[in-house]
Amino acid sequence: MKIKELKAREVLDSRGNPTVEAEIELADGSKGRGISPSGASTGEKEAVELRDNDAKRYGGKGVEKAVSQLNNEVARSIGNADFDSQAAFDHFLIDLDGTTNKERLGANAILAASIAFARATADAKKIPLYRQLVEREQYIIPVPCMNVINGGRHADNNLDFQEFMIAPHHAPSFKESIRMGEEVFHTLKNLLKSKGYFTGVGDEGGFAPNLNSNEEAIEVILEAIHQAGYTPGTHISICIDPATSEMWQNGRYVFYKSSQKQVSSEELIMLWDKWIKQYPIVLLEDGLGENDWHGWKEMTIALGSKVELVGDDIFCTNPKIIAEGIRQGIGNSVLIKLNQIGTITETLDAVKLAQENNYNCFISHRSGETEDTIIADLVVATNAGHIKTGSGCRSERVAKFNQLIRIEEELGGKAFFAGLNTFKI
């Protein structure tokens, strides 16, 4: 695949902050475009975005430096080079950057180019993006895990925990699963309104009310599931991402938005155990912080046979860190975020490593999302079985749902909906 032109520009993400968009045109006229998302609660070991730090533009968040890197150094270095695979192109970018965390060119620039190349290649072959990413005989359409109540760093409310999600898994298809989820989402809005709660939404489209407790978030969701005509645990279950790395202070976890209470790792594990027994929770992401490796081991021993324990901040979609986590018996699932590692190739390597070691993979968006729908194709390509891309509103979120509806329709009998199989431990 000979690249004729690479160009980049500064565009906006869902928060109205700048991010990098790249376009690639191949010698045969095929084209592809990619946009890099951005996170708010980020892991310490994530690949590094390149920002301008110019206070006079976008409060220092501009990305003109990253754009310039693509338009100048990267474009010149590519020249008329041929790349025979996605891996060849991505490793070219990695080697050109020359750092361990992509800080020189910027992971936001590198990822945008990586996505653009994948789309251009798919266009050249006249195949769908998911098939360009991974060619297989049968694909799995994922269960959507919809973030219906936001807290933590994603909302200006009093909830310490970041994401309360519903997983409408008992359905014959993705299309019907989304219908179920949306019905609960709209029922929840009316229910919150009837209780006198605020129904504005947070960064990921979930409602962001001030509630009496973190537990009330789950209880009001369960009430909405009932009111929508479904049975919690049978038709629709609960997934939680408390984002506890944000709560970690001096070896303890601080309920920093509500009571200011401090608890140990053991006490937080006991809380999760209590919740799992009390509520139909099937997935717990980042139940402990990224630097609490000992706590993670204890949590995996205590809860690993009861629930899907997803590592986000602790793994950062990094194959080297994931390998160490597998060796130590940390969790049983890996959150997959493209911009945590910075290229499609490294992302697919992370998924392959996890799946070969019987870990689940949970494909994820970022809180600063874009209209780019690549994670919809990625979750199908990898047969990961479940995806989180936000709530039942905001176009940068539902764009991924709409893409999955199209993919399911296109594949027909060559795919099946993950449904209940996703959450069997």
Protein backbone atom coordinates (compact mmCIF):
# COMPACT_ATOMS: atom_id res chain seq x y z
CA MET A 1 0.00 0.00 0.00
CA LYS A 2 1.84 3.07 -1.25
CA ILE A 3 0.79 6.29 0.47
CA LYS A 4 0.25 9.20 -1.89
CA GLU A 5 -0.65 11.79 0.75
CA LEU A 6 -0.89 12.14 4.51
CA LYS A 7 -2.45 15.26 5.95
CA ALA A 8 -3.72 16.19 9.38
CA ARG A 9 -5.77 18.91 11.01
CA GLU A 10 -6.93 20.08 14.43
CA VAL A 11 -10.60 19.18 15.06
CA LEU A 12 -12.81 18.93 18.16
CA ASP A 13 -13.80 16.08 20.46
CA SER A 14 -17.08 15.69 22.35
CA ARG A 15 -15.95 18.07 25.10
CA GLY A 16 -15.12 20.78 22.57
CA ASN A 17 -11.40 20.22 23.13
CA PRO A 18 -8.96 19.94 20.23
CA THR A 19 -7.85 16.57 18.92
CA VAL A 20 -6.05 15.23 15.84
CA GLU A 21 -7.68 14.09 12.62
CA ALA A 22 -5.56 12.43 9.91
CA GLU A 23 -6.37 11.59 6.31
CA ILE A 24 -4.45 9.18 4.10
CA GLU A 25 -4.79 8.75 0.35
CA LEU A 26 -3.14 5.74 -1.28
CA ALA A 27 -1.61 5.70 -4.75
CA ASP A 28 -4.70 4.00 -6.17
CA GLY A 29 -6.96 6.79 -4.88
CA SER A 30 -8.30 4.90 -1.85
CA LYS A 31 -8.83 7.09 1.20
CA GLY A 32 -9.22 6.79 4.94
CA ARG A 33 -9.73 9.12 7.88
CA GLY A 34 -9.13 8.71 11.60
CA ILE A 35 -9.72 10.86 14.69
CA SER A 36 -8.08 10.31 18.07
CA PRO A 37 -10.23 10.44 21.24
CA SER A 38 -9.07 11.67 24.65
CA GLY A 39 -9.63 10.50 28.23
CA ALA A 40 -10.26 12.38 31.48
CA SER A 41 -9.47 9.73 34.11
CA THR A 42 -6.28 8.39 32.55
CA GLY A 43 -3.84 5.72 33.63
CA GLU A 44 -0.30 6.77 34.51
CA LYS A 45 1.17 4.37 31.96
CA GLU A 46 -0.95 5.44 28.99
CA ALA A 47 0.67 6.58 25.76
CA VAL A 48 1.13 10.35 25.92
CA GLU A 49 -0.87 12.92 23.97
CA LEU A 50 1.07 15.82 22.51
CA ARG A 51 -0.53 19.13 23.50
CA ASP A 52 0.67 22.65 22.68
CA ASN A 53 0.58 24.00 26.26
CA ASP A 54 -0.07 27.44 24.82
CA ALA A 55 -2.40 29.18 27.25
CA LYS A 56 -3.53 31.59 24.52
CA ARG A 57 -5.14 28.77 22.50
CA TYR A 58 -7.77 26.41 23.91
CA GLY A 59 -6.40 26.88 27.42
CA GLY A 60 -3.21 25.09 26.46
CA LYS A 61 -4.98 22.04 25.01
CA GLY A 62 -4.33 22.79 21.33
CA VAL A 63 -2.79 20.08 19.17
CA GLU A 64 -1.10 22.12 16.44
CA LYS A 65 2.26 20.56 17.34
CA ALA A 66 0.89 17.04 16.87
CA VAL A 67 -0.77 18.06 13.60
CA SER A 68 2.48 19.63 12.40
CA GLN A 69 4.38 16.42 13.19
CA LEU A 70 2.11 14.49 10.83
CA ASN A 71 2.02 17.12 8.08
CA ASN A 72 5.77 17.61 8.08
CA GLU A 73 8.11 15.04 9.64
CA VAL A 74 5.89 11.99 9.23
CA ALA A 75 4.72 12.91 5.72
CA ARG A 76 8.32 13.53 4.60
CA SER A 77 9.55 10.30 6.17
CA ILE A 78 6.87 8.27 4.43
CA GLY A 79 7.83 9.58 1.00
CA ASN A 80 6.79 6.95 -1.53
CA ALA A 81 7.25 4.03 0.85
CA ASP A 82 5.19 0.88 0.45
CA PHE A 83 3.61 -0.71 3.53
CA ASP A 84 2.48 -4.29 3.04
CA SER A 85 0.44 -4.45 6.27
CA GLN A 86 -1.08 -2.46 9.11
CA ALA A 87 1.71 -3.70 11.36
CA ALA A 88 4.37 -2.41 8.94
CA PHE A 89 2.83 1.07 8.92
CA ASP A 90 2.29 1.20 12.67
CA HIS A 91 5.81 0.02 13.48
CA PHE A 92 7.16 2.64 11.09
CA LEU A 93 5.38 5.29 13.18
CA ILE A 94 6.55 3.73 16.46
CA ASP A 95 10.17 3.64 15.28
CA LEU A 96 9.99 7.19 13.93
CA ASP A 97 8.71 8.43 17.29
CA GLY A 98 11.51 6.63 19.09
CA THR A 99 10.13 6.90 22.64
CA THR A 100 8.55 4.27 24.88
CA ASN A 101 5.31 6.23 25.35
CA LYS A 102 4.95 8.05 21.98
CA GLU A 103 5.52 11.42 23.61
CA ARG A 104 7.66 12.88 20.80
CA LEU A 105 5.20 12.64 17.91
CA GLY A 106 2.22 12.30 20.23
CA ALA A 107 0.01 9.26 20.67
CA ASN A 108 -2.92 11.35 19.46
CA ALA A 109 -1.12 11.99 16.15
CA ILE A 110 0.09 8.40 15.76
CA LEU A 111 -3.32 6.87 16.48
CA ALA A 112 -5.14 9.17 14.05
CA ALA A 113 -2.71 8.12 11.30
CA SER A 114 -2.99 4.44 12.25
CA ILE A 115 -6.79 4.54 11.97
CA ALA A 116 -6.63 6.46 8.70
CA PHE A 117 -4.29 3.87 7.18
CA ALA A 118 -6.59 1.01 8.25
CA ARG A 119 -9.58 2.69 6.62
CA ALA A 120 -7.65 3.51 3.44
CA THR A 121 -6.50 -0.11 3.20
CA ALA A 122 -10.05 -1.38 3.69
CA ASP A 123 -11.21 1.04 1.00
CA ALA A 124 -8.52 -0.24 -1.38
CA LYS A 125 -9.61 -3.84 -0.80
CA LYS A 126 -13.31 -2.90 -0.95
CA ILE A 127 -13.98 -4.69 2.36
CA PRO A 128 -15.50 -3.52 5.68
CA LEU A 129 -13.11 -2.13 8.28
CA TYR A 130 -13.78 -4.96 10.75
CA ARG A 131 -12.71 -7.48 8.11
CA GLN A 132 -9.56 -5.48 7.38
CA LEU A 133 -8.72 -5.55 11.10
CA VAL A 134 -9.29 -9.31 11.54
CA GLU A 135 -10.43 -11.74 8.86
CA ARG A 136 -12.54 -14.58 10.26
CA GLU A 137 -15.36 -16.88 9.21
CA GLN A 138 -17.84 -15.84 11.90
CA TYR A 139 -18.11 -12.66 13.92
CA ILE A 140 -19.70 -11.90 17.29
CA ILE A 141 -21.91 -8.82 17.67
CA PRO A 142 -21.39 -7.38 21.18
CA VAL A 143 -23.63 -6.65 24.11
CA PRO A 144 -23.76 -2.86 24.64
CA CYS A 145 -22.91 -1.78 28.18
CA MET A 146 -24.65 1.58 28.41
CA ASN A 147 -23.47 4.16 30.94
CA VAL A 148 -26.75 5.51 32.28
CA ILE A 149 -25.57 7.31 35.43
CA ASN A 150 -22.30 9.28 35.48
CA GLY A 151 -20.24 10.27 38.51
CA GLY A 152 -16.60 10.66 39.46
CA ARG A 153 -14.51 12.82 37.11
CA HIS A 154 -17.20 12.59 34.43
CA ALA A 155 -19.88 14.62 36.21
CA ASP A 156 -20.30 17.58 38.55
CA ASN A 157 -22.33 15.70 41.13
CA ASN A 158 -21.77 13.94 44.46
CA LEU A 159 -21.24 10.37 43.20
CA ASP A 160 -17.78 9.02 43.91
CA PHE A 161 -18.06 6.19 41.40
CA GLN A 162 -17.70 7.09 37.74
CA GLU A 163 -19.90 4.78 35.65
CA PHE A 164 -23.10 2.88 36.37
CA MET A 165 -23.97 0.81 33.31
CA ILE A 166 -26.74 -1.48 32.12
CA ALA A 167 -26.07 -4.55 29.97
CA PRO A 168 -29.22 -5.59 28.06
CA HIS A 169 -27.99 -9.09 27.28
CA HIS A 170 -31.12 -11.23 27.10
CA ALA A 171 -32.03 -10.37 23.51
CA PRO A 172 -32.03 -12.12 20.14
CA SER A 173 -29.95 -9.43 18.42
CA PHE A 174 -27.95 -6.26 18.94
CA LYS A 175 -30.77 -4.21 17.46
CA GLU A 176 -33.21 -5.54 20.06
CA SER A 177 -30.63 -5.17 22.81
CA ILE A 178 -30.24 -1.48 22.01
CA ARG A 179 -34.02 -1.07 22.02
CA MET A 180 -34.18 -2.56 25.52
CA GLY A 181 -31.36 -0.34 26.73
CA GLU A 182 -32.91 2.81 25.30
CA GLU A 183 -36.27 1.99 26.85
CA VAL A 184 -34.61 1.72 30.26
CA PHE A 185 -32.61 4.91 29.62
CA HIS A 186 -35.75 6.95 28.89
CA THR A 187 -37.64 5.33 31.75
CA LEU A 188 -34.78 6.25 34.06
CA LYS A 189 -34.99 9.88 32.97
CA ASN A 190 -38.68 10.03 33.82
CA LEU A 191 -38.07 8.24 37.11
CA LEU A 192 -35.32 10.65 38.15
CA LYS A 193 -37.53 13.59 37.19
CA SER A 194 -40.41 12.21 39.27
CA LYS A 195 -38.08 12.01 42.28
CA GLY A 196 -37.07 15.64 41.80
CA TYR A 197 -33.58 14.82 40.54
CA PHE A 198 -31.58 16.66 37.90
CA THR A 199 -31.71 14.96 34.48
CA GLY A 200 -28.84 16.69 32.70
CA VAL A 201 -26.11 14.39 31.42
CA GLY A 202 -22.40 13.97 32.08
CA ASP A 203 -19.46 13.55 29.72
CA GLU A 204 -20.58 10.14 28.49
CA GLY A 205 -24.27 10.88 28.13
CA GLY A 206 -25.44 9.31 31.38
CA PHE A 207 -27.59 11.21 33.84
CA ALA A 208 -25.64 13.09 36.51
CA PRO A 209 -27.94 13.72 39.49
CA ASN A 210 -26.94 14.33 43.09
CA LEU A 211 -28.16 11.25 44.94
CA ASN A 212 -28.32 10.26 48.59
CA SER A 213 -25.61 7.62 48.16
CA ASN A 214 -23.62 5.66 45.60
CA GLU A 215 -25.94 2.72 46.29
CA GLU A 216 -28.97 4.77 45.28
CA ALA A 217 -27.54 4.97 41.75
CA ILE A 218 -27.89 1.20 41.41
CA GLU A 219 -31.25 1.10 43.12
CA VAL A 220 -32.83 3.73 40.88
CA ILE A 221 -31.46 1.92 37.80
CA LEU A 222 -33.02 -1.34 39.00
CA GLU A 223 -36.31 0.48 39.53
CA ALA A 224 -36.13 1.82 35.97
CA ILE A 225 -35.45 -1.67 34.60
CA HIS A 226 -38.58 -2.94 36.38
CA GLN A 227 -40.69 0.00 35.18
CA ALA A 228 -39.53 -0.58 31.59
CA GLY A 229 -40.92 -4.12 31.81
CA TYR A 230 -37.71 -6.11 32.30
CA THR A 231 -36.28 -8.29 35.07
CA PRO A 232 -32.93 -7.23 36.52
CA GLY A 233 -30.36 -10.00 36.25
CA THR A 234 -32.45 -11.95 33.76
CA HIS A 235 -32.92 -9.49 30.93
CA ILE A 236 -30.64 -6.62 31.96
CA SER A 237 -27.73 -6.66 34.39
CA ILE A 238 -25.48 -4.05 35.97
CA CYS A 239 -21.86 -3.16 35.19
CA ILE A 240 -19.83 -0.71 37.29
CA ASP A 241 -16.66 1.28 36.72
CA PRO A 242 -15.91 3.17 39.95
CA ALA A 243 -12.56 4.45 38.54
CA THR A 244 -10.89 3.91 41.89
CA SER A 245 -7.48 5.19 40.75
CA GLU A 246 -9.07 8.64 41.12
CA MET A 247 -9.91 7.80 44.75
CA TRP A 248 -6.42 6.53 45.69
CA GLN A 249 -4.61 8.76 48.20
CA ASN A 250 -1.62 7.67 50.29
CA GLY A 251 -2.48 3.99 50.19
CA ARG A 252 -6.20 4.36 50.91
CA TYR A 253 -9.37 5.05 48.96
CA VAL A 254 -11.14 8.36 49.66
CA PHE A 255 -14.83 8.92 48.88
CA TYR A 256 -13.77 12.34 47.66
CA LYS A 257 -17.12 13.63 46.38
CA SER A 258 -19.45 12.52 49.15
CA SER A 259 -18.45 11.63 52.71
CA GLN A 260 -14.63 12.01 52.55
CA LYS A 261 -14.53 8.58 54.19
CA GLN A 262 -11.27 6.66 53.77
CA VAL A 263 -11.16 2.88 53.38
CA SER A 264 -8.50 0.22 52.84
CA SER A 265 -8.26 -2.13 49.88
CA GLU A 266 -9.73 -4.91 52.01
CA GLU A 267 -12.70 -2.76 53.00
CA LEU A 268 -13.39 -1.80 49.39
CA ILE A 269 -13.23 -5.45 48.34
CA MET A 270 -15.76 -6.21 51.07
CA LEU A 271 -18.03 -3.47 49.69
CA TRP A 272 -17.85 -4.95 46.18
CA ASP A 273 -18.56 -8.43 47.55
CA LYS A 274 -21.61 -7.09 49.37
CA TRP A 275 -22.87 -5.31 46.23
CA ILE A 276 -22.35 -8.36 44.03
CA LYS A 277 -24.41 -10.44 46.45
CA GLN A 278 -27.11 -7.76 46.75
CA TYR A 279 -27.38 -6.54 43.14
CA PRO A 280 -27.25 -8.23 39.69
CA ILE A 281 -23.72 -6.98 38.96
CA VAL A 282 -21.91 -8.96 36.25
CA LEU A 283 -18.89 -6.72 35.61
CA LEU A 284 -16.65 -4.61 37.84
CA GLU A 285 -14.04 -2.43 36.13
CA ASP A 286 -11.17 -0.89 38.08
CA GLY A 287 -12.51 -2.10 41.39
CA LEU A 288 -9.13 -1.08 42.82
CA GLY A 289 -6.52 1.43 41.67
CA GLU A 290 -3.73 1.02 39.15
CA ASN A 291 -0.94 1.03 41.76
CA ASP A 292 -2.69 -1.36 44.15
CA TRP A 293 -1.33 -4.60 42.68
CA HIS A 294 -1.47 -6.46 45.99
CA GLY A 295 -5.09 -5.42 46.46
CA TRP A 296 -5.90 -6.55 42.92
CA LYS A 297 -4.50 -10.01 43.69
CA GLU A 298 -6.67 -10.24 46.79
CA MET A 299 -9.73 -8.95 44.92
CA THR A 300 -9.21 -11.50 42.15
CA ILE A 301 -9.01 -14.33 44.68
CA ALA A 302 -12.15 -13.09 46.46
CA LEU A 303 -14.32 -12.09 43.48
CA GLY A 304 -12.79 -13.51 40.31
CA SER A 305 -15.14 -16.49 40.20
CA LYS A 306 -18.22 -14.30 40.80
CA VAL A 307 -17.87 -11.39 38.40
CA GLU A 308 -15.90 -10.13 35.40
CA LEU A 309 -13.02 -8.12 36.88
CA VAL A 310 -11.84 -5.68 34.23
CA GLY A 311 -8.47 -3.94 34.44
CA ASP A 312 -8.32 -0.51 32.80
CA ASP A 313 -5.80 1.82 34.45
CA ILE A 314 -3.75 -1.10 35.74
CA PHE A 315 -3.22 -2.53 32.22
CA CYS A 316 -3.50 0.54 29.91
CA THR A 317 -3.99 -1.74 26.86
CA ASN A 318 -0.25 -2.40 27.06
CA PRO A 319 0.80 -5.96 26.13
CA LYS A 320 3.85 -5.87 28.43
CA ILE A 321 1.79 -4.81 31.44
CA ILE A 322 -1.02 -7.24 30.56
CA ALA A 323 1.53 -10.09 30.41
CA GLU A 324 2.74 -9.22 33.90
CA GLY A 325 -0.86 -9.04 35.15
CA ILE A 326 -1.58 -12.48 33.71
CA ARG A 327 1.58 -13.85 35.36
CA GLN A 328 0.49 -12.47 38.73
CA GLY A 329 -3.17 -13.49 38.37
CA ILE A 330 -4.60 -9.97 38.25
CA GLY A 331 -8.27 -9.78 37.19
CA ASN A 332 -9.86 -11.87 34.45
CA SER A 333 -10.58 -9.22 31.80
CA VAL A 334 -8.81 -6.32 30.06
CA LEU A 335 -10.31 -3.01 29.03
CA ILE A 336 -9.22 -2.13 25.50
CA LYS A 337 -8.76 1.53 24.55
CA LEU A 338 -6.99 2.38 21.30
CA ASN A 339 -5.47 5.63 22.49
CA GLN A 340 -4.02 4.10 25.66
CA ILE A 341 -1.42 2.31 23.53
CA GLY A 342 -1.58 4.43 20.37
CA THR A 343 -1.78 2.12 17.34
CA ILE A 344 -4.18 -0.46 15.94
CA THR A 345 -1.44 -3.09 15.76
CA GLU A 346 -0.52 -2.82 19.43
CA THR A 347 -4.21 -2.83 20.35
CA LEU A 348 -4.75 -6.08 18.43
CA ASP A 349 -1.63 -7.52 20.09
CA ALA A 350 -3.11 -6.70 23.51
CA VAL A 351 -6.40 -8.38 22.61
CA LYS A 352 -4.66 -11.48 21.26
CA LEU A 353 -2.52 -11.84 24.38
CA ALA A 354 -5.51 -11.50 26.68
CA GLN A 355 -7.72 -13.91 24.76
CA GLU A 356 -4.97 -16.53 24.43
CA ASN A 357 -4.75 -16.51 28.24
CA ASN A 358 -8.53 -16.83 28.74
CA TYR A 359 -8.99 -13.20 29.73
CA ASN A 360 -12.04 -11.35 28.40
CA CYS A 361 -11.63 -8.13 26.46
CA PHE A 362 -13.99 -5.18 27.00
CA ILE A 363 -13.76 -2.67 24.14
CA SER A 364 -14.10 0.95 25.26
CA HIS A 365 -14.51 4.54 24.14
CA ARG A 366 -13.05 7.56 25.95
CA SER A 367 -14.92 10.31 27.76
CA GLY A 368 -13.60 12.80 25.19
CA GLU A 369 -15.00 10.93 22.18
CA THR A 370 -15.43 11.79 18.52
CA GLU A 371 -17.71 10.79 15.66
CA ASP A 372 -15.15 8.16 14.62
CA THR A 373 -16.80 4.73 14.90
CA ILE A 374 -13.71 2.51 14.78
CA ILE A 375 -14.38 0.83 18.13
CA ALA A 376 -17.62 -0.60 16.70
CA ASP A 377 -15.59 -2.32 13.98
CA LEU A 378 -12.88 -3.25 16.49
CA VAL A 379 -15.26 -5.03 18.87
CA VAL A 380 -16.69 -7.07 15.98
CA ALA A 381 -13.26 -7.82 14.51
CA THR A 382 -11.95 -9.14 17.84
CA ASN A 383 -15.11 -11.05 18.87
CA ALA A 384 -14.76 -9.35 22.25
CA GLY A 385 -18.48 -9.73 22.96
CA HIS A 386 -19.14 -6.49 24.83
CA ILE A 387 -18.52 -2.79 24.31
CA LYS A 388 -18.96 0.44 26.23
CA THR A 389 -19.33 3.63 24.30
CA GLY A 390 -21.48 5.71 26.60
CA SER A 391 -25.17 6.18 27.15
CA GLY A 392 -28.31 6.25 25.08
CA CYS A 393 -27.86 9.84 23.89
CA ARG A 394 -25.21 12.16 22.37
CA SER A 395 -24.32 11.44 18.77
CA GLU A 396 -20.66 10.64 19.43
CA ARG A 397 -21.94 7.74 21.60
CA VAL A 398 -24.86 6.43 19.57
CA ALA A 399 -22.82 6.64 16.35
CA LYS A 400 -21.10 3.45 17.52
CA PHE A 401 -24.45 1.78 18.20
CA ASN A 402 -25.69 2.78 14.75
CA GLN A 403 -22.56 1.35 13.15
CA LEU A 404 -23.08 -1.94 14.99
CA ILE A 405 -26.68 -2.08 13.75
CA ARG A 406 -25.35 -1.71 10.20
CA ILE A 407 -22.67 -4.35 10.71
CA GLU A 408 -25.17 -6.82 12.20
CA GLU A 409 -27.46 -6.30 9.23
CA GLU A 410 -24.60 -6.68 6.76
CA LEU A 411 -23.25 -9.89 8.31
CA GLY A 412 -26.62 -11.58 8.69
CA GLY A 413 -26.07 -15.27 9.36
CA LYS A 414 -22.28 -14.85 9.47
CA ALA A 415 -22.53 -13.35 12.94
CA PHE A 416 -24.33 -14.02 16.19
CA PHE A 417 -25.23 -11.79 19.12
CA ALA A 418 -23.14 -12.41 22.24
CA GLY A 419 -26.06 -12.17 24.67
CA LEU A 420 -25.82 -14.18 27.87
CA ASN A 421 -22.58 -15.88 26.84
CA THR A 422 -20.70 -12.63 27.45
CA PHE A 423 -21.12 -12.71 31.21
CA LYS A 424 -20.44 -16.33 32.10
CA ILE A 425 -17.45 -16.55 34.44
